[in-house]
Structure formats: structure tokens, C-alpha cells
């Protein structure tokens, strides 16, 4: 949807965005080659995004500040955190306005439609729907859902009869079927990159360390993070599944953060020289 209709209820507007979001089906496989996924870790401040302005980029949350500084426009801006929208609404508005497209989670879009509908009015906005969280209808239990998609080629998912948490770990190759949060927004960006058809993903600012925080905020004004609480149970298992079931010759992922918490055997760490060599050979 490109125009907010104030005559519709909030539920109808969200349903409309999801119906329009079937445009996710239309844009599937529409891209190719490399893409940068730019997150908000401290290392993002030192990455020379200007040098790679000719490569498509995906921004998220507050990382849009790096694009403002460099006067660049991302291909996509994504946000799925309703709390971030409430507390950093100006950043989200800048992300939507500066990017060619925006993809917002259900809660994030709901808050914007309630509190700042002008932020999405007139822009290309997709609703990112979480897997097993339909706009209308009832969700299955995490275990039943994981079992139900075990043979779906678009979905890679853990399954456990004995523990609930593994059933929440997955990767969607088709955003029309929803996405898995992984408790960290770069993981959603990876699923979007796969869906769009990119074959090489370069992670920027994916440091995964609670300290020293985000590159654009420090001190008492910084928003709290749940990285430490979620890392072992959700974040690390999500990237393990990525490495085991998704990454291959047709979809490669590299980490440009030299201080990332993510193990290098899951996501290879490369420097700028190696990046340039990979780009030259692609």
C-alpha cells in the first residue's frame, strides 16, 4: 500500500499491507549478485559504505544513520521491533523515506499506523509477517508448525519433541510464507536477501556484542539490548542452521566485522581486501 486510508480499521490496514505484501511473491528472485546487510554494531561506523555505493544494501533499525551520513539510499530498510519504533520513531521515518522499499514487522507497522501514519504514506512498504503468526487466523504451536513444514523446500526449521525452543529456530527462503526472527534483525535481513535472489551477502556491523553498543548511540541514552539473553538460545542456533542448511554455492554469507561474536566457522570473517577480491570475481 502506498497511501494510508484513515477510513479503514487498523486490522483492515494491516491485512491490506499483507495482501499487498504478496508483492513479496512478485519480487522473489528479482535481484542477483552481492548485497550488503548493514547492522548497527560499532564496526559499521568504520566500514566505507561510500566505496560500495554501486552495490545494493539493506539497512535496519538505526543503521540508517550510516546511510544518512554517506548520503546513500538503501534498496530496503527493515524493522520488526515495535519498541524501537516507539522510542526511535524519527530513525524509522528516515529509513522509510530514504530507502527504495521498506519491510516492517507486524508490530512495527502497527505502531506506525497508530502513531505516525504519515511515515508510511506514499512509500513502498511491505508487511513482514512472522512465520506461523498469521494476520488472520490462529497460529499452531511451535512444535506442530515445525513438524508441518518439515518437507517444505522454502522453509528450513529445527524440530524437537522434547524442547520447545528449537522449534522456533528456522530460515524462510520465501518471505510470502513469513520469516523467522532469530531474535536479531540481521537474521531477518538474510531471509529477505535470499528471497530477493542475492547470491552473496556481506554482513556489516553484525558484531553481536552488547558492549560497547550501537555505533550511533552511547551512554545512558542508548536503548537496552537483549543480545546476551538471546544469544545462546536463539541467535547462535539460528546462524548454525543457516550454515548447515542454507549456505551453499548459490547463497554465500560473509562477515566483515573483525570482532564479531559469531564464530568464523559459521559465517566466515573477511577483510576489505578479501571483499574486493570476491566482488571482482562475482
Protein backbone atom coordinates (compact mmCIF):
# COMPACT_ATOMS: atom_id res chain seq x y z
CA UNK A 1 0.00 0.00 0.00
CA UNK A 2 1.29 3.45 -0.78
CA UNK A 3 -1.42 5.51 0.88
CA UNK A 4 -2.87 5.15 4.37
CA UNK A 5 -6.68 5.11 4.25
CA UNK A 6 -7.91 6.59 7.52
CA UNK A 7 -11.40 5.14 6.91
CA UNK A 8 -10.11 1.60 7.40
CA UNK A 9 -9.66 0.00 10.80
CA UNK A 10 -6.14 -0.79 11.92
CA UNK A 11 -6.78 -4.50 11.38
CA UNK A 12 -8.04 -3.83 7.85
CA UNK A 13 -4.99 -1.69 7.08
CA UNK A 14 -2.62 -4.39 8.28
CA UNK A 15 -4.49 -7.01 6.26
CA UNK A 16 -4.24 -4.69 3.26
CA UNK A 17 -0.48 -4.40 3.67
CA UNK A 18 -0.19 -8.18 3.88
CA UNK A 19 -2.36 -8.60 0.79
CA UNK A 20 -0.18 -6.05 -0.98
CA UNK A 21 2.75 -7.87 0.59
CA UNK A 22 2.04 -10.73 -1.75
CA UNK A 23 4.13 -8.44 -3.91
CA UNK A 24 6.81 -10.33 -1.97
CA UNK A 25 5.93 -13.12 -4.40
CA UNK A 26 6.40 -10.74 -7.32
CA UNK A 27 9.83 -9.55 -6.19
CA UNK A 28 11.09 -13.03 -5.37
CA UNK A 29 14.24 -13.68 -7.37
CA UNK A 30 14.21 -10.16 -8.80
CA UNK A 31 17.82 -9.47 -7.76
CA UNK A 32 21.16 -11.19 -8.18
CA UNK A 33 24.80 -10.93 -7.19
CA UNK A 34 26.08 -9.30 -3.99
CA UNK A 35 24.26 -7.30 -1.32
CA UNK A 36 25.39 -5.62 1.89
CA UNK A 37 23.38 -6.11 5.07
CA UNK A 38 24.24 -3.16 7.31
CA UNK A 39 23.50 -3.51 11.03
CA UNK A 40 24.26 -1.20 13.96
CA UNK A 41 27.30 -2.71 15.66
CA UNK A 42 30.27 -0.39 16.31
CA UNK A 43 32.23 -1.78 13.36
CA UNK A 44 29.63 -0.29 10.98
CA UNK A 45 30.99 3.17 11.77
CA UNK A 46 34.34 2.27 10.18
CA UNK A 47 33.03 0.49 7.11
CA UNK A 48 33.42 2.63 3.95
CA UNK A 49 29.89 2.30 2.59
CA UNK A 50 30.60 5.14 0.15
CA UNK A 51 33.14 2.98 -1.68
CA UNK A 52 30.48 0.37 -2.39
CA UNK A 53 27.57 2.63 -3.27
CA UNK A 54 27.11 0.72 -6.54
CA UNK A 55 26.18 -2.45 -4.62
CA UNK A 56 22.60 -2.89 -3.26
CA UNK A 57 22.30 -2.54 0.51
CA UNK A 58 19.78 -3.43 3.21
CA UNK A 59 19.61 -1.12 6.23
CA UNK A 60 17.85 -1.83 9.52
CA UNK A 61 16.79 -0.02 12.66
CA UNK A 62 19.31 2.71 13.49
CA UNK A 63 21.87 1.69 10.89
CA UNK A 64 20.07 4.09 8.58
CA UNK A 65 22.23 6.77 10.22
CA UNK A 66 25.24 5.38 8.37
CA UNK A 67 23.36 5.96 5.10
CA UNK A 68 22.35 9.47 6.12
CA UNK A 69 25.99 10.28 6.85
CA UNK A 70 27.09 8.90 3.49
CA UNK A 71 24.08 10.29 1.57
CA UNK A 72 23.16 6.83 0.28
CA UNK A 73 19.79 5.20 -0.34
CA UNK A 74 19.40 1.53 0.61
CA UNK A 75 17.42 -0.89 -1.51
CA UNK A 76 15.44 -1.93 1.60
CA UNK A 77 15.02 -0.62 5.13
CA UNK A 78 13.69 -3.18 7.62
CA UNK A 79 12.46 -3.01 11.20
CA UNK A 80 10.46 -5.55 13.20
CA UNK A 81 10.69 -4.09 16.72
CA UNK A 82 7.64 -2.17 17.94
CA UNK A 83 9.63 -0.84 20.89
CA UNK A 84 12.25 0.60 18.56
CA UNK A 85 9.53 2.33 16.55
CA UNK A 86 8.08 3.92 19.69
CA UNK A 87 11.41 5.10 21.06
CA UNK A 88 13.25 5.90 17.81
CA UNK A 89 10.41 6.91 15.53
CA UNK A 90 12.48 9.56 13.74
CA UNK A 91 15.07 6.95 12.71
CA UNK A 92 12.38 4.63 11.35
CA UNK A 93 10.79 7.51 9.44
CA UNK A 94 14.17 8.39 7.93
CA UNK A 95 14.74 4.77 6.99
CA UNK A 96 11.43 4.51 5.17
CA UNK A 97 11.82 7.88 3.42
CA UNK A 98 15.42 7.29 2.30
CA UNK A 99 15.06 3.71 1.06
CA UNK A 100 13.56 2.43 -2.16
CA UNK A 101 11.42 -0.04 -0.19
CA UNK A 102 10.69 -0.72 3.47
CA UNK A 103 9.76 -4.02 5.10
CA UNK A 104 8.24 -3.74 8.57
CA UNK A 105 7.23 -6.40 11.05
CA UNK A 106 3.60 -6.60 12.17
CA UNK A 107 4.18 -4.81 15.48
CA UNK A 108 6.40 -2.13 13.97
CA UNK A 109 3.90 -1.30 11.23
CA UNK A 110 1.03 -1.35 13.71
CA UNK A 111 2.72 1.28 15.87
CA UNK A 112 3.47 3.50 12.88
CA UNK A 113 -0.11 3.30 11.61
CA UNK A 114 -1.33 4.29 15.07
CA UNK A 115 1.18 6.98 15.95
CA UNK A 116 2.72 8.30 12.72
CA UNK A 117 0.80 7.14 9.62
CA UNK A 118 2.44 9.90 7.60
CA UNK A 119 5.72 7.97 7.90
CA UNK A 120 4.46 5.24 5.58
CA UNK A 121 2.09 7.30 3.43
CA UNK A 122 3.26 7.43 -0.16
CA UNK A 123 6.12 4.94 0.32
CA UNK A 124 6.69 1.38 -0.87
CA UNK A 125 6.09 -0.59 2.34
CA UNK A 126 5.88 -4.36 2.76
CA UNK A 127 4.48 -6.13 5.82
CA UNK A 128 6.93 -8.79 7.02
CA UNK A 129 4.80 -11.46 8.64
CA UNK A 130 6.40 -13.82 11.13
CA UNK A 131 6.18 -17.49 10.25
CA UNK A 132 3.28 -19.18 12.00
CA UNK A 133 1.85 -15.78 13.01
CA UNK A 134 -0.97 -15.17 10.50
CA UNK A 135 -2.60 -11.75 10.27
CA UNK A 136 -5.94 -13.54 10.48
CA UNK A 137 -6.42 -16.98 11.95
CA UNK A 138 -4.77 -18.97 14.70
CA UNK A 139 -1.12 -19.93 14.98
CA UNK A 140 -0.11 -23.52 15.51
CA UNK A 141 2.01 -24.46 18.46
CA UNK A 142 5.68 -24.00 17.63
CA UNK A 143 6.19 -27.77 17.70
CA UNK A 144 3.25 -28.52 15.39
CA UNK A 145 4.30 -25.78 13.00
CA UNK A 146 7.87 -27.05 12.85
CA UNK A 147 6.56 -30.54 12.08
CA UNK A 148 4.13 -29.23 9.44
CA UNK A 149 6.87 -27.53 7.38
CA UNK A 150 9.45 -30.29 7.62
CA UNK A 151 9.04 -31.12 3.91
CA UNK A 152 8.58 -27.56 2.65
CA UNK A 153 11.59 -26.65 0.44
CA UNK A 154 11.04 -22.96 1.24
CA UNK A 155 11.47 -23.47 4.98
CA UNK A 156 14.45 -24.76 6.95
CA UNK A 157 13.40 -25.44 10.54
CA UNK A 158 14.55 -27.25 13.64
CA UNK A 159 12.20 -29.76 15.26
CA UNK A 160 12.21 -31.21 18.76
CA UNK A 161 9.68 -33.30 20.65
CA UNK A 162 11.39 -32.64 23.94
CA UNK A 163 12.37 -28.96 23.92
CA UNK A 164 10.26 -26.03 22.75
CA UNK A 165 12.98 -23.53 21.83
CA UNK A 166 14.49 -25.46 18.89
CA UNK A 167 11.09 -25.37 17.17
CA UNK A 168 11.35 -21.59 16.99
CA UNK A 169 14.59 -21.71 15.00
CA UNK A 170 14.26 -21.59 11.25
CA UNK A 171 15.00 -19.83 7.97
CA UNK A 172 12.49 -18.83 5.30
CA UNK A 173 13.56 -18.79 1.68
CA UNK A 174 10.19 -17.30 0.71
CA UNK A 175 9.02 -14.18 2.55
CA UNK A 176 5.47 -14.75 1.29
CA UNK A 177 5.41 -17.63 3.79
CA UNK A 178 6.70 -15.48 6.63
CA UNK A 179 10.11 -15.20 8.26
CA UNK A 180 11.87 -16.33 11.44
CA UNK A 181 13.00 -13.61 13.83
CA UNK A 182 16.08 -15.32 15.26
CA UNK A 183 15.90 -12.62 17.98
CA UNK A 184 18.09 -10.34 15.87
CA UNK A 185 17.10 -8.19 12.89
CA UNK A 186 20.12 -9.10 10.68
CA UNK A 187 18.73 -12.64 10.54
CA UNK A 188 15.50 -11.32 9.05
CA UNK A 189 17.59 -9.36 6.54
CA UNK A 190 19.35 -12.56 5.47
CA UNK A 191 15.99 -14.16 4.69
CA UNK A 192 14.97 -11.10 2.70
CA UNK A 193 18.27 -11.23 0.78
CA UNK A 194 17.69 -14.89 -0.07
CA UNK A 195 14.11 -14.21 -1.13
CA UNK A 196 15.18 -11.39 -3.44
CA UNK A 197 17.69 -13.64 -5.16
CA UNK A 198 21.04 -12.30 -3.99
CA UNK A 199 23.81 -14.89 -4.02
CA UNK A 200 26.45 -13.16 -1.88
CA UNK A 201 25.63 -11.42 1.39
CA UNK A 202 28.20 -9.29 3.20
CA UNK A 203 27.34 -8.53 6.82
CA UNK A 204 28.41 -5.12 8.14
CA UNK A 205 28.14 -4.16 11.80
CA UNK A 206 26.95 -7.62 12.86
CA UNK A 207 29.15 -7.60 15.94
CA UNK A 208 26.61 -9.27 18.28
CA UNK A 209 28.20 -7.76 21.37
CA UNK A 210 26.05 -5.97 23.96
CA UNK A 211 29.03 -3.71 24.75
CA UNK A 212 30.00 -1.15 23.57
CA UNK A 213 26.55 -0.97 21.98
CA UNK A 214 25.40 0.59 18.71
CA UNK A 215 27.61 2.88 16.64
CA UNK A 216 25.11 5.77 16.71
CA UNK A 217 24.34 5.90 20.44
CA UNK A 218 26.27 5.57 23.69
CA UNK A 219 25.81 6.04 27.40
CA UNK A 220 22.56 6.32 29.30
CA UNK A 221 20.61 7.40 26.20
CA UNK A 222 21.27 4.07 24.48
CA UNK A 223 18.39 1.61 24.21
CA UNK A 224 18.84 -1.66 26.13
CA UNK A 225 19.66 -4.80 24.18
CA UNK A 226 18.79 -8.48 24.75
CA UNK A 227 21.79 -9.82 22.84
CA UNK A 228 23.29 -11.54 25.88
CA UNK A 229 19.97 -13.08 26.97
CA UNK A 230 19.07 -14.39 23.50
CA UNK A 231 22.45 -15.29 22.04
CA UNK A 232 22.82 -18.90 23.20
CA UNK A 233 19.16 -19.95 22.89
CA UNK A 234 18.12 -18.28 19.64
CA UNK A 235 20.76 -16.22 17.82
CA UNK A 236 23.58 -18.74 17.69
CA UNK A 237 21.28 -21.70 16.83
CA UNK A 238 19.75 -19.62 14.02
CA UNK A 239 23.15 -18.96 12.45
CA UNK A 240 24.11 -22.61 12.96
CA UNK A 241 21.02 -23.63 10.97
CA UNK A 242 21.95 -21.04 8.32
CA UNK A 243 25.41 -22.56 7.95
CA UNK A 244 24.15 -26.16 7.90
CA UNK A 245 21.03 -25.96 5.75
CA UNK A 246 21.03 -22.72 3.75
CA UNK A 247 24.54 -21.59 2.82
CA UNK A 248 25.94 -23.24 -0.28
CA UNK A 249 27.29 -22.44 -3.75
CA UNK A 250 24.16 -20.43 -4.62
CA UNK A 251 23.97 -18.46 -1.36
CA UNK A 252 27.10 -17.38 0.48
CA UNK A 253 27.35 -15.23 3.59
CA UNK A 254 30.44 -13.37 4.85
CA UNK A 255 31.04 -11.27 7.95
CA UNK A 256 33.02 -8.03 7.67
CA UNK A 257 33.15 -7.50 11.43
CA UNK A 258 36.58 -8.45 12.73
CA UNK A 259 35.28 -8.52 16.31
CA UNK A 260 32.01 -10.36 15.79
CA UNK A 261 30.74 -12.77 18.40
CA UNK A 262 29.55 -15.10 15.63
CA UNK A 263 32.01 -17.98 15.12
CA UNK A 264 34.02 -17.77 11.93
CA UNK A 265 33.27 -21.40 11.10
CA UNK A 266 29.58 -20.46 10.80
CA UNK A 267 30.00 -17.14 8.99
CA UNK A 268 33.48 -16.61 7.51
CA UNK A 269 35.13 -13.35 8.54
CA UNK A 270 36.79 -11.41 5.73
CA UNK A 271 38.61 -8.10 5.43
CA UNK A 272 38.26 -5.40 2.79
CA UNK A 273 40.93 -6.88 0.54
CA UNK A 274 39.14 -10.21 0.51
CA UNK A 275 35.83 -8.41 -0.04
CA UNK A 276 37.21 -6.62 -3.10
CA UNK A 277 38.56 -9.89 -4.47
CA UNK A 278 35.19 -11.60 -4.04
CA UNK A 279 33.37 -8.72 -5.69
CA UNK A 280 35.82 -8.71 -8.58
CA UNK A 281 35.26 -12.42 -9.19
CA UNK A 282 31.47 -12.35 -8.91
